[in-house]
Amino acid sequence: MVASPSLFPLAGQAGPEAFRNWPYLTQPVLLASRSRQVCLTCRFFRHQAAADAIPLLTCQLHRGLIAHGEHLTRRCQGWSDGLHGQRA
């Protein structure tokens, strides 16, 4: 089974500059996590290099930016590994 290249068309078609206008996600959305269920392992997590070579960490589900380091220790209620229906 081949996964689609992008969950949302915007993620696959727009350059990183389009994401710069997204708001940063804060604590009401991002919750502390001490498991593997963090933004980095979520199917909605993306990262792009901006023109100035600074990576932009984004959540496609919430259409927001994630502060550096938060993607390793936080998650939202919509976290998904994308493996539903693929497990035997």
PDB file of N, CA and C in Angstrom:
ATOM      1  N   MET A   1       0.834  -1.182   0.000  1.00  0.00           N
ATOM      2  CA  MET A   1       0.000   0.000   0.000  1.00  0.00           C
ATOM      3  C   MET A   1       0.874   1.237   0.000  1.00  0.00           C
ATOM      4  N   VAL A   2       0.641   2.132  -0.927  1.00  0.00           N
ATOM      5  CA  VAL A   2       1.429   3.359  -1.045  1.00  0.00           C
ATOM      6  C   VAL A   2       0.643   4.505  -0.433  1.00  0.00           C
ATOM      7  N   ALA A   3       1.275   5.215   0.489  1.00  0.00           N
ATOM      8  CA  ALA A   3       0.618   6.358   1.129  1.00  0.00           C
ATOM      9  C   ALA A   3       0.630   7.554   0.186  1.00  0.00           C
ATOM     10  N   SER A   4      -0.376   8.389   0.309  1.00  0.00           N
ATOM     11  CA  SER A   4      -0.407   9.591  -0.520  1.00  0.00           C
ATOM     12  C   SER A   4       0.729  10.507  -0.107  1.00  0.00           C
ATOM     13  N   PRO A   5       1.287  11.305  -1.029  1.00  0.00           N
ATOM     14  CA  PRO A   5       2.433  12.149  -0.709  1.00  0.00           C
ATOM     15  C   PRO A   5       2.112  13.208   0.327  1.00  0.00           C
ATOM     16  N   SER A   6       0.843  13.578   0.457  1.00  0.00           N
ATOM     17  CA  SER A   6       0.493  14.626   1.395  1.00  0.00           C
ATOM     18  C   SER A   6      -0.930  14.440   1.883  1.00  0.00           C
ATOM     19  N   LEU A   7      -1.135  14.720   3.138  1.00  0.00           N
ATOM     20  CA  LEU A   7      -2.475  14.614   3.688  1.00  0.00           C
ATOM     21  C   LEU A   7      -3.361  15.737   3.178  1.00  0.00           C
ATOM     22  N   PHE A   8      -2.816  16.924   3.101  1.00  0.00           N
ATOM     23  CA  PHE A   8      -3.535  18.089   2.596  1.00  0.00           C
ATOM     24  C   PHE A   8      -2.806  18.622   1.365  1.00  0.00           C
ATOM     25  N   PRO A   9      -3.511  19.069   0.339  1.00  0.00           N
ATOM     26  CA  PRO A   9      -2.845  19.586  -0.851  1.00  0.00           C
ATOM     27  C   PRO A   9      -1.878  20.716  -0.541  1.00  0.00           C
ATOM     28  N   LEU A  10      -2.196  21.566   0.430  1.00  0.00           N
ATOM     29  CA  LEU A  10      -1.330  22.690   0.757  1.00  0.00           C
ATOM     30  C   LEU A  10       0.061  22.231   1.145  1.00  0.00           C
ATOM     31  N   ALA A  11       0.137  21.134   1.880  1.00  0.00           N
ATOM     32  CA  ALA A  11       1.428  20.655   2.364  1.00  0.00           C
ATOM     33  C   ALA A  11       2.335  20.221   1.222  1.00  0.00           C
ATOM     34  N   GLY A  12       1.783  19.677   0.158  1.00  0.00           N
ATOM     35  CA  GLY A  12       2.604  19.188  -0.935  1.00  0.00           C
ATOM     36  C   GLY A  12       2.852  20.207  -2.020  1.00  0.00           C
ATOM     37  N   GLN A  13       2.055  21.275  -2.080  1.00  0.00           N
ATOM     38  CA  GLN A  13       2.152  22.216  -3.178  1.00  0.00           C
ATOM     39  C   GLN A  13       2.743  23.560  -2.789  1.00  0.00           C
ATOM     40  N   ALA A  14       2.514  24.003  -1.582  1.00  0.00           N
ATOM     41  CA  ALA A  14       2.992  25.325  -1.188  1.00  0.00           C
ATOM     42  C   ALA A  14       4.408  25.229  -0.659  1.00  0.00           C
ATOM     43  N   GLY A  15       5.179  26.274  -0.877  1.00  0.00           N
ATOM     44  CA  GLY A  15       6.527  26.333  -0.349  1.00  0.00           C
ATOM     45  C   GLY A  15       6.505  26.660   1.128  1.00  0.00           C
ATOM     46  N   PRO A  16       7.661  26.559   1.767  1.00  0.00           N
ATOM     47  CA  PRO A  16       7.734  26.820   3.197  1.00  0.00           C
ATOM     48  C   PRO A  16       7.317  28.233   3.578  1.00  0.00           C
ATOM     49  N   GLU A  17       7.445  29.169   2.672  1.00  0.00           N
ATOM     50  CA  GLU A  17       7.068  30.544   2.984  1.00  0.00           C
ATOM     51  C   GLU A  17       5.583  30.668   3.287  1.00  0.00           C
ATOM     52  N   ALA A  18       4.745  29.785   2.735  1.00  0.00           N
ATOM     53  CA  ALA A  18       3.311  29.833   2.997  1.00  0.00           C
ATOM     54  C   ALA A  18       3.011  29.494   4.457  1.00  0.00           C
ATOM     55  N   PHE A  19       3.872  28.715   5.084  1.00  0.00           N
ATOM     56  CA  PHE A  19       3.649  28.302   6.466  1.00  0.00           C
ATOM     57  C   PHE A  19       4.059  29.367   7.469  1.00  0.00           C
ATOM     58  N   ARG A  20       4.868  30.325   7.063  1.00  0.00           N
ATOM     59  CA  ARG A  20       5.352  31.357   7.987  1.00  0.00           C
ATOM     60  C   ARG A  20       4.219  32.161   8.617  1.00  0.00           C
ATOM     61  N   ASN A  21       3.079  32.258   7.953  1.00  0.00           N
ATOM     62  CA  ASN A  21       1.956  33.040   8.467  1.00  0.00           C
ATOM     63  C   ASN A  21       1.079  32.250   9.429  1.00  0.00           C
ATOM     64  N   TRP A  22       1.343  30.967   9.577  1.00  0.00           N
ATOM     65  CA  TRP A  22       0.564  30.171  10.507  1.00  0.00           C
ATOM     66  C   TRP A  22       0.919  30.565  11.936  1.00  0.00           C
ATOM     67  N   PRO A  23      -0.033  30.479  12.870  1.00  0.00           N
ATOM     68  CA  PRO A  23       0.268  30.797  14.270  1.00  0.00           C
ATOM     69  C   PRO A  23       1.042  29.661  14.933  1.00  0.00           C
ATOM     70  N   TYR A  24       1.789  29.992  15.976  1.00  0.00           N
ATOM     71  CA  TYR A  24       2.454  28.957  16.772  1.00  0.00           C
ATOM     72  C   TYR A  24       1.426  28.293  17.669  1.00  0.00           C
ATOM     73  N   LEU A  25       1.508  26.985  17.784  1.00  0.00           N
ATOM     74  CA  LEU A  25       0.613  26.240  18.665  1.00  0.00           C
ATOM     75  C   LEU A  25       1.097  26.389  20.102  1.00  0.00           C
ATOM     76  N   THR A  26       0.168  26.558  21.032  1.00  0.00           N
ATOM     77  CA  THR A  26       0.525  26.773  22.427  1.00  0.00           C
ATOM     78  C   THR A  26      -0.074  25.680  23.306  1.00  0.00           C
ATOM     79  N   GLN A  27       0.073  25.822  24.622  1.00  0.00           N
ATOM     80  CA  GLN A  27      -0.326  24.775  25.560  1.00  0.00           C
ATOM     81  C   GLN A  27      -1.779  24.336  25.508  1.00  0.00           C
ATOM     82  N   PRO A  28      -2.733  25.164  25.229  1.00  0.00           N
ATOM     83  CA  PRO A  28      -4.087  24.584  25.169  1.00  0.00           C
ATOM     84  C   PRO A  28      -4.207  23.485  24.109  1.00  0.00           C
ATOM     85  N   VAL A  29      -3.406  23.569  23.058  1.00  0.00           N
ATOM     86  CA  VAL A  29      -3.448  22.558  21.996  1.00  0.00           C
ATOM     87  C   VAL A  29      -2.407  21.474  22.248  1.00  0.00           C
ATOM     88  N   LEU A  30      -1.184  21.877  22.566  1.00  0.00           N
ATOM     89  CA  LEU A  30      -0.100  20.925  22.775  1.00  0.00           C
ATOM     90  C   LEU A  30      -0.002  20.540  24.243  1.00  0.00           C
ATOM     91  N   LEU A  31      -0.051  19.245  24.505  1.00  0.00           N
ATOM     92  CA  LEU A  31       0.014  18.711  25.859  1.00  0.00           C
ATOM     93  C   LEU A  31       1.352  18.011  26.062  1.00  0.00           C
ATOM     94  N   ALA A  32       1.863  18.045  27.278  1.00  0.00           N
ATOM     95  CA  ALA A  32       3.106  17.344  27.587  1.00  0.00           C
ATOM     96  C   ALA A  32       2.899  15.843  27.403  1.00  0.00           C
ATOM     97  N   SER A  33       3.922  15.170  26.889  1.00  0.00           N
ATOM     98  CA  SER A  33       3.844  13.732  26.658  1.00  0.00           C
ATOM     99  C   SER A  33       5.163  13.087  27.047  1.00  0.00           C
ATOM    100  N   ARG A  34       5.075  11.945  27.726  1.00  0.00           N
ATOM    101  CA  ARG A  34       6.276  11.204  28.115  1.00  0.00           C
ATOM    102  C   ARG A  34       6.287   9.836  27.445  1.00  0.00           C
ATOM    103  N   SER A  35       5.696   9.754  26.276  1.00  0.00           N
ATOM    104  CA  SER A  35       5.651   8.494  25.535  1.00  0.00           C
ATOM    105  C   SER A  35       6.163   8.752  24.121  1.00  0.00           C
ATOM    106  N   ARG A  36       6.027   7.772  23.257  1.00  0.00           N
ATOM    107  CA  ARG A  36       6.439   7.970  21.869  1.00  0.00           C
ATOM    108  C   ARG A  36       5.402   8.755  21.078  1.00  0.00           C
ATOM    109  N   GLN A  37       4.256   9.027  21.688  1.00  0.00           N
ATOM    110  CA  GLN A  37       3.203   9.790  21.029  1.00  0.00           C
ATOM    111  C   GLN A  37       3.480  11.284  21.179  1.00  0.00           C
ATOM    112  N   VAL A  38       4.408  11.771  20.370  1.00  0.00           N
ATOM    113  CA  VAL A  38       4.768  13.185  20.335  1.00  0.00           C
ATOM    114  C   VAL A  38       4.623  13.678  18.899  1.00  0.00           C
ATOM    115  N   CYS A  39       4.684  14.980  18.724  1.00  0.00           N
ATOM    116  CA  CYS A  39       4.493  15.567  17.392  1.00  0.00           C
ATOM    117  C   CYS A  39       5.391  14.919  16.340  1.00  0.00           C
ATOM    118  N   LEU A  40       6.641  14.662  16.687  1.00  0.00           N
ATOM    119  CA  LEU A  40       7.598  14.100  15.732  1.00  0.00           C
ATOM    120  C   LEU A  40       7.122  12.788  15.131  1.00  0.00           C
ATOM    121  N   THR A  41       6.384  11.983  15.882  1.00  0.00           N
ATOM    122  CA  THR A  41       5.930  10.678  15.400  1.00  0.00           C
ATOM    123  C   THR A  41       4.509  10.704  14.839  1.00  0.00           C
ATOM    124  N   CYS A  42       3.906  11.870  14.781  1.00  0.00           N
ATOM    125  CA  CYS A  42       2.530  11.997  14.304  1.00  0.00           C
ATOM    126  C   CYS A  42       2.486  12.091  12.778  1.00  0.00           C
ATOM    127  N   ARG A  43       1.448  11.532  12.183  1.00  0.00           N
ATOM    128  CA  ARG A  43       1.316  11.586  10.721  1.00  0.00           C
ATOM    129  C   ARG A  43       1.049  12.992  10.197  1.00  0.00           C
ATOM    130  N   PHE A  44       0.625  13.912  11.057  1.00  0.00           N
ATOM    131  CA  PHE A  44       0.343  15.283  10.634  1.00  0.00           C
ATOM    132  C   PHE A  44       1.558  16.199  10.740  1.00  0.00           C
ATOM    133  N   PHE A  45       2.663  15.709  11.314  1.00  0.00           N
ATOM    134  CA  PHE A  45       3.874  16.508  11.488  1.00  0.00           C
ATOM    135  C   PHE A  45       4.631  16.626  10.166  1.00  0.00           C
ATOM    136  N   ARG A  46       5.068  17.829   9.849  1.00  0.00           N
ATOM    137  CA  ARG A  46       5.907  18.079   8.661  1.00  0.00           C
ATOM    138  C   ARG A  46       7.013  19.054   9.041  1.00  0.00           C
ATOM    139  N   HIS A  47       8.101  18.994   8.303  1.00  0.00           N
ATOM    140  CA  HIS A  47       9.141  20.000   8.471  1.00  0.00           C
ATOM    141  C   HIS A  47       9.645  20.415   7.100  1.00  0.00           C
ATOM    142  N   GLN A  48       9.908  21.692   6.959  1.00  0.00           N
ATOM    143  CA  GLN A  48      10.402  22.261   5.718  1.00  0.00           C
ATOM    144  C   GLN A  48      11.533  23.230   6.054  1.00  0.00           C
ATOM    145  N   ALA A  49      12.435  23.421   5.126  1.00  0.00           N
ATOM    146  CA  ALA A  49      13.488  24.414   5.296  1.00  0.00           C
ATOM    147  C   ALA A  49      13.035  25.710   4.632  1.00  0.00           C
ATOM    148  N   ALA A  50      13.034  26.783   5.392  1.00  0.00           N
ATOM    149  CA  ALA A  50      12.673  28.092   4.857  1.00  0.00           C
ATOM    150  C   ALA A  50      13.839  28.624   4.030  1.00  0.00           C
ATOM    151  N   ALA A  51      13.634  29.748   3.370  1.00  0.00           N
ATOM    152  CA  ALA A  51      14.651  30.336   2.499  1.00  0.00           C
ATOM    153  C   ALA A  51      15.946  30.631   3.262  1.00  0.00           C
ATOM    154  N   ASP A  52      15.819  30.977   4.534  1.00  0.00           N
ATOM    155  CA  ASP A  52      17.013  31.273   5.334  1.00  0.00           C
ATOM    156  C   ASP A  52      17.583  30.013   6.002  1.00  0.00           C
ATOM    157  N   ALA A  53      17.177  28.848   5.547  1.00  0.00           N
ATOM    158  CA  ALA A  53      17.659  27.529   5.993  1.00  0.00           C
ATOM    159  C   ALA A  53      17.263  27.195   7.420  1.00  0.00           C
ATOM    160  N   ILE A  54      16.324  27.915   7.995  1.00  0.00           N
ATOM    161  CA  ILE A  54      15.805  27.585   9.323  1.00  0.00           C
ATOM    162  C   ILE A  54      14.618  26.656   9.135  1.00  0.00           C
ATOM    163  N   PRO A  55      14.645  25.489   9.762  1.00  0.00           N
ATOM    164  CA  PRO A  55      13.530  24.561   9.579  1.00  0.00           C
ATOM    165  C   PRO A  55      12.242  25.065  10.220  1.00  0.00           C
ATOM    166  N   LEU A  56      11.146  24.863   9.517  1.00  0.00           N
ATOM    167  CA  LEU A  56       9.820  25.177  10.042  1.00  0.00           C
ATOM    168  C   LEU A  56       9.156  23.859  10.392  1.00  0.00           C
ATOM    169  N   LEU A  57       8.730  23.720  11.638  1.00  0.00           N
ATOM    170  CA  LEU A  57       8.049  22.526  12.100  1.00  0.00           C
ATOM    171  C   LEU A  57       6.563  22.840  12.108  1.00  0.00           C
ATOM    172  N   THR A  58       5.767  22.021  11.417  1.00  0.00           N
ATOM    173  CA  THR A  58       4.351  22.336  11.268  1.00  0.00           C
ATOM    174  C   THR A  58       3.460  21.156  11.613  1.00  0.00           C
ATOM    175  N   CYS A  59       2.247  21.491  12.015  1.00  0.00           N
ATOM    176  CA  CYS A  59       1.195  20.506  12.237  1.00  0.00           C
ATOM    177  C   CYS A  59       0.138  20.756  11.166  1.00  0.00           C
ATOM    178  N   GLN A  60      -0.046  19.798  10.293  1.00  0.00           N
ATOM    179  CA  GLN A  60      -1.014  19.942   9.213  1.00  0.00           C
ATOM    180  C   GLN A  60      -2.447  19.853   9.729  1.00  0.00           C
ATOM    181  N   LEU A  61      -2.662  19.144  10.821  1.00  0.00           N
ATOM    182  CA  LEU A  61      -3.999  19.016  11.391  1.00  0.00           C
ATOM    183  C   LEU A  61      -4.500  20.354  11.931  1.00  0.00           C
ATOM    184  N   HIS A  62      -3.646  21.036  12.692  1.00  0.00           N
ATOM    185  CA  HIS A  62      -4.032  22.311  13.311  1.00  0.00           C
ATOM    186  C   HIS A  62      -3.597  23.519  12.494  1.00  0.00           C
ATOM    187  N   ARG A  63      -2.892  23.277  11.400  1.00  0.00           N
ATOM    188  CA  ARG A  63      -2.361  24.351  10.557  1.00  0.00           C
ATOM    189  C   ARG A  63      -1.648  25.398  11.398  1.00  0.00           C
ATOM    190  N   GLY A  64      -0.652  24.890  12.145  1.00  0.00           N
ATOM    191  CA  GLY A  64       0.112  25.765  13.023  1.00  0.00           C
ATOM    192  C   GLY A  64       1.570  25.366  13.060  1.00  0.00           C
ATOM    193  N   LEU A  65       2.394  26.298  13.517  1.00  0.00           N
ATOM    194  CA  LEU A  65       3.823  26.063  13.680  1.00  0.00           C
ATOM    195  C   LEU A  65       4.081  25.477  15.062  1.00  0.00           C
ATOM    196  N   ILE A  66       5.130  24.688  15.152  1.00  0.00           N
ATOM    197  CA  ILE A  66       5.525  24.089  16.423  1.00  0.00           C
ATOM    198  C   ILE A  66       6.897  24.644  16.772  1.00  0.00           C
ATOM    199  N   ALA A  67       7.034  25.169  17.979  1.00  0.00           N
ATOM    200  CA  ALA A  67       8.320  25.725  18.415  1.00  0.00           C
ATOM    201  C   ALA A  67       9.367  24.612  18.461  1.00  0.00           C
ATOM    202  N   HIS A  68      10.615  24.972  18.158  1.00  0.00           N
ATOM    203  CA  HIS A  68      11.697  23.988  18.173  1.00  0.00           C
ATOM    204  C   HIS A  68      11.812  23.362  19.551  1.00  0.00           C
ATOM    205  N   GLY A  69      11.912  22.059  19.596  1.00  0.00           N
ATOM    206  CA  GLY A  69      11.999  21.314  20.836  1.00  0.00           C
ATOM    207  C   GLY A  69      10.646  20.813  21.314  1.00  0.00           C
ATOM    208  N   GLU A  70       9.584  21.549  21.028  1.00  0.00           N
ATOM    209  CA  GLU A  70       8.243  21.128  21.446  1.00  0.00           C
ATOM    210  C   GLU A  70       7.815  19.863  20.715  1.00  0.00           C
ATOM    211  N   HIS A  71       8.319  19.648  19.514  1.00  0.00           N
ATOM    212  CA  HIS A  71       7.936  18.466  18.742  1.00  0.00           C
ATOM    213  C   HIS A  71       8.464  17.169  19.348  1.00  0.00           C
ATOM    214  N   LEU A  72       9.372  17.287  20.301  1.00  0.00           N
ATOM    215  CA  LEU A  72       9.947  16.107  20.954  1.00  0.00           C
ATOM    216  C   LEU A  72       9.268  15.761  22.273  1.00  0.00           C
ATOM    217  N   THR A  73       8.549  16.711  22.863  1.00  0.00           N
ATOM    218  CA  THR A  73       7.996  16.497  24.204  1.00  0.00           C
ATOM    219  C   THR A  73       6.502  16.774  24.314  1.00  0.00           C
ATOM    220  N   ARG A  74       5.850  17.108  23.217  1.00  0.00           N
ATOM    221  CA  ARG A  74       4.429  17.466  23.280  1.00  0.00           C
ATOM    222  C   ARG A  74       3.650  16.748  22.187  1.00  0.00           C
ATOM    223  N   ARG A  75       2.336  16.695  22.394  1.00  0.00           N
ATOM    224  CA  ARG A  75       1.423  16.123  21.409  1.00  0.00           C
ATOM    225  C   ARG A  75       0.066  16.786  21.595  1.00  0.00           C
ATOM    226  N   CYS A  76      -0.834  16.591  20.646  1.00  0.00           N
ATOM    227  CA  CYS A  76      -2.201  17.105  20.783  1.00  0.00           C
ATOM    228  C   CYS A  76      -3.165  15.934  20.883  1.00  0.00           C
ATOM    229  N   GLN A  77      -4.428  16.224  21.100  1.00  0.00           N
ATOM    230  CA  GLN A  77      -5.440  15.182  21.198  1.00  0.00           C
ATOM    231  C   GLN A  77      -5.658  14.475  19.859  1.00  0.00           C
ATOM    232  N   GLY A  78      -5.250  15.101  18.755  1.00  0.00           N
ATOM    233  CA  GLY A  78      -5.441  14.516  17.432  1.00  0.00           C
ATOM    234  C   GLY A  78      -4.273  13.672  16.957  1.00  0.00           C
ATOM    235  N   TRP A  79      -3.325  13.340  17.852  1.00  0.00           N
ATOM    236  CA  TRP A  79      -2.153  12.575  17.449  1.00  0.00           C
ATOM    237  C   TRP A  79      -2.568  11.288  16.766  1.00  0.00           C
ATOM    238  N   SER A  80      -1.909  10.962  15.668  1.00  0.00           N
ATOM    239  CA  SER A  80      -2.215   9.735  14.927  1.00  0.00           C
ATOM    240  C   SER A  80      -0.937   9.222  14.282  1.00  0.00           C
ATOM    241  N   ASP A  81      -0.723   7.912  14.385  1.00  0.00           N
ATOM    242  CA  ASP A  81       0.461   7.331  13.747  1.00  0.00           C
ATOM    243  C   ASP A  81       0.186   6.906  12.315  1.00  0.00           C
ATOM    244  N   GLY A  82      -1.069   6.981  11.889  1.00  0.00           N
ATOM    245  CA  GLY A  82      -1.392   6.654  10.512  1.00  0.00           C
ATOM    246  C   GLY A  82      -1.426   5.178  10.210  1.00  0.00           C
ATOM    247  N   LEU A  83      -1.386   4.338  11.234  1.00  0.00           N
ATOM    248  CA  LEU A  83      -1.355   2.892  11.007  1.00  0.00           C
ATOM    249  C   LEU A  83      -2.704   2.221  11.204  1.00  0.00           C
ATOM    250  N   HIS A  84      -3.765   2.998  11.378  1.00  0.00           N
ATOM    251  CA  HIS A  84      -5.088   2.392  11.549  1.00  0.00           C
ATOM    252  C   HIS A  84      -5.441   1.577  10.319  1.00  0.00           C
ATOM    253  N   GLY A  85      -5.803   0.342  10.520  1.00  0.00           N
ATOM    254  CA  GLY A  85      -6.176  -0.530   9.420  1.00  0.00           C
ATOM    255  C   GLY A  85      -5.008  -1.239   8.770  1.00  0.00           C
ATOM    256  N   GLN A  86      -3.768  -0.937   9.181  1.00  0.00           N
ATOM    257  CA  GLN A  86      -2.603  -1.567   8.584  1.00  0.00           C
ATOM    258  C   GLN A  86      -2.038  -2.662   9.461  1.00  0.00           C
ATOM    259  N   ARG A  87      -2.487  -2.754  10.701  1.00  0.00           N
ATOM    260  CA  ARG A  87      -1.981  -3.774  11.609  1.00  0.00           C
ATOM    261  C   ARG A  87      -2.709  -5.087  11.395  1.00  0.00           C
ATOM    262  N   ALA A  88      -2.007  -6.164  11.508  1.00  0.00           N
ATOM    263  CA  ALA A  88      -2.619  -7.482  11.314  1.00  0.00           C
ATOM    264  C   ALA A  88      -3.260  -7.995  12.571  1.00  0.00           C
TER     265      ALA A  88
END
